[in-house]
Amino acid sequence: MRLYRYLTGPDDATFCHRVSAALARGWSLHGQPTLCYDSDAKRVICGQAIVKEVEGEYSPELDLAGL
């Protein structure tokens, strides 16, 4: 089955490390990253879709972050 996650966070090293950690665990980038500006917090927010092929059947109880 193919799993999907969408990571979001401030445009900083922590966000880049989250994406890098997911890639190291076998996730793949899906599509282009997105950026938007949070005028209240005065910072840029990033988003990146990632996908991963795993065995088994989908269940809403899956811990996607742990895969």
C-alpha atoms as a PDB file:
ATOM      1  CA  MET A   1       0.000   0.000   0.000  1.00  0.00           C
ATOM      2  CA  ARG A   2       1.102   3.562  -0.523  1.00  0.00           C
ATOM      3  CA  LEU A   3       1.075   5.876   2.492  1.00  0.00           C
ATOM      4  CA  TYR A   4       0.967   9.676   2.389  1.00  0.00           C
ATOM      5  CA  ARG A   5       2.058  12.333   4.851  1.00  0.00           C
ATOM      6  CA  TYR A   6       2.240  16.098   4.616  1.00  0.00           C
ATOM      7  CA  LEU A   7       4.923  17.687   6.773  1.00  0.00           C
ATOM      8  CA  THR A   8       4.612  21.338   7.739  1.00  0.00           C
ATOM      9  CA  GLY A   9       6.585  23.707   9.888  1.00  0.00           C
ATOM     10  CA  PRO A  10       8.570  26.926  10.031  1.00  0.00           C
ATOM     11  CA  ASP A  11      11.246  27.311   7.352  1.00  0.00           C
ATOM     12  CA  ASP A  12      14.180  26.411   9.570  1.00  0.00           C
ATOM     13  CA  ALA A  13      16.740  23.679  10.172  1.00  0.00           C
ATOM     14  CA  THR A  14      14.289  21.684  12.308  1.00  0.00           C
ATOM     15  CA  PHE A  15      11.886  21.333   9.391  1.00  0.00           C
ATOM     16  CA  CYS A  16      14.735  20.279   7.083  1.00  0.00           C
ATOM     17  CA  HIS A  17      15.846  17.675   9.635  1.00  0.00           C
ATOM     18  CA  ARG A  18      12.278  16.283   9.841  1.00  0.00           C
ATOM     19  CA  VAL A  19      12.156  15.855   6.071  1.00  0.00           C
ATOM     20  CA  SER A  20      15.680  14.382   6.010  1.00  0.00           C
ATOM     21  CA  ALA A  21      14.789  11.911   8.781  1.00  0.00           C
ATOM     22  CA  ALA A  22      11.698  10.787   6.865  1.00  0.00           C
ATOM     23  CA  LEU A  23      13.787  10.291   3.710  1.00  0.00           C
ATOM     24  CA  ALA A  24      16.288   8.227   5.722  1.00  0.00           C
ATOM     25  CA  ARG A  25      13.377   5.999   6.889  1.00  0.00           C
ATOM     26  CA  GLY A  26      12.371   5.246   3.309  1.00  0.00           C
ATOM     27  CA  TRP A  27       9.819   7.969   2.575  1.00  0.00           C
ATOM     28  CA  SER A  28      10.056   9.749  -0.805  1.00  0.00           C
ATOM     29  CA  LEU A  29       9.277  13.334  -1.739  1.00  0.00           C
ATOM     30  CA  HIS A  30       5.961  13.721  -3.537  1.00  0.00           C
ATOM     31  CA  GLY A  31       5.438  16.873  -5.566  1.00  0.00           C
ATOM     32  CA  GLN A  32       6.893  20.288  -5.000  1.00  0.00           C
ATOM     33  CA  PRO A  33       7.340  21.889  -1.575  1.00  0.00           C
ATOM     34  CA  THR A  34       5.013  24.729  -0.656  1.00  0.00           C
ATOM     35  CA  LEU A  35       5.690  27.964   1.190  1.00  0.00           C
ATOM     36  CA  CYS A  36       3.404  30.509   2.768  1.00  0.00           C
ATOM     37  CA  TYR A  37       3.940  33.496   5.026  1.00  0.00           C
ATOM     38  CA  ASP A  38       2.430  33.581   8.518  1.00  0.00           C
ATOM     39  CA  SER A  39       1.976  37.318   9.051  1.00  0.00           C
ATOM     40  CA  ASP A  40       1.036  36.868  12.724  1.00  0.00           C
ATOM     41  CA  ALA A  41       4.252  34.993  13.538  1.00  0.00           C
ATOM     42  CA  LYS A  42       6.215  36.871  10.841  1.00  0.00           C
ATOM     43  CA  ARG A  43       7.767  33.695   9.437  1.00  0.00           C
ATOM     44  CA  VAL A  44       7.649  31.434   6.414  1.00  0.00           C
ATOM     45  CA  ILE A  45       5.907  28.065   6.775  1.00  0.00           C
ATOM     46  CA  CYS A  46       7.024  25.100   4.616  1.00  0.00           C
ATOM     47  CA  GLY A  47       5.049  22.093   3.506  1.00  0.00           C
ATOM     48  CA  GLN A  48       6.255  18.903   1.820  1.00  0.00           C
ATOM     49  CA  ALA A  49       4.258  15.842   0.837  1.00  0.00           C
ATOM     50  CA  ILE A  50       5.978  12.470   1.260  1.00  0.00           C
ATOM     51  CA  VAL A  51       4.938   8.935   0.317  1.00  0.00           C
ATOM     52  CA  LYS A  52       6.066   5.429   1.221  1.00  0.00           C
ATOM     53  CA  GLU A  53       5.260   1.941  -0.054  1.00  0.00           C
ATOM     54  CA  VAL A  54       4.720  -0.609   2.735  1.00  0.00           C
ATOM     55  CA  GLU A  55       3.185  -4.053   3.004  1.00  0.00           C
ATOM     56  CA  GLY A  56      -0.149  -4.621   4.641  1.00  0.00           C
ATOM     57  CA  GLU A  57      -3.512  -2.931   4.576  1.00  0.00           C
ATOM     58  CA  TYR A  58      -4.353   0.637   5.501  1.00  0.00           C
ATOM     59  CA  SER A  59      -5.866   1.365   8.885  1.00  0.00           C
ATOM     60  CA  PRO A  60      -6.530   4.764  10.491  1.00  0.00           C
ATOM     61  CA  GLU A  61      -4.651   3.477  13.558  1.00  0.00           C
ATOM     62  CA  LEU A  62      -1.340   3.348  11.655  1.00  0.00           C
ATOM     63  CA  ASP A  63       1.394   5.463  13.226  1.00  0.00           C
ATOM     64  CA  LEU A  64       2.560   7.166  10.036  1.00  0.00           C
ATOM     65  CA  ALA A  65       5.244   9.151  11.846  1.00  0.00           C
ATOM     66  CA  GLY A  66       6.731   5.941  13.205  1.00  0.00           C
ATOM     67  CA  LEU A  67       7.034   4.213   9.831  1.00  0.00           C
END
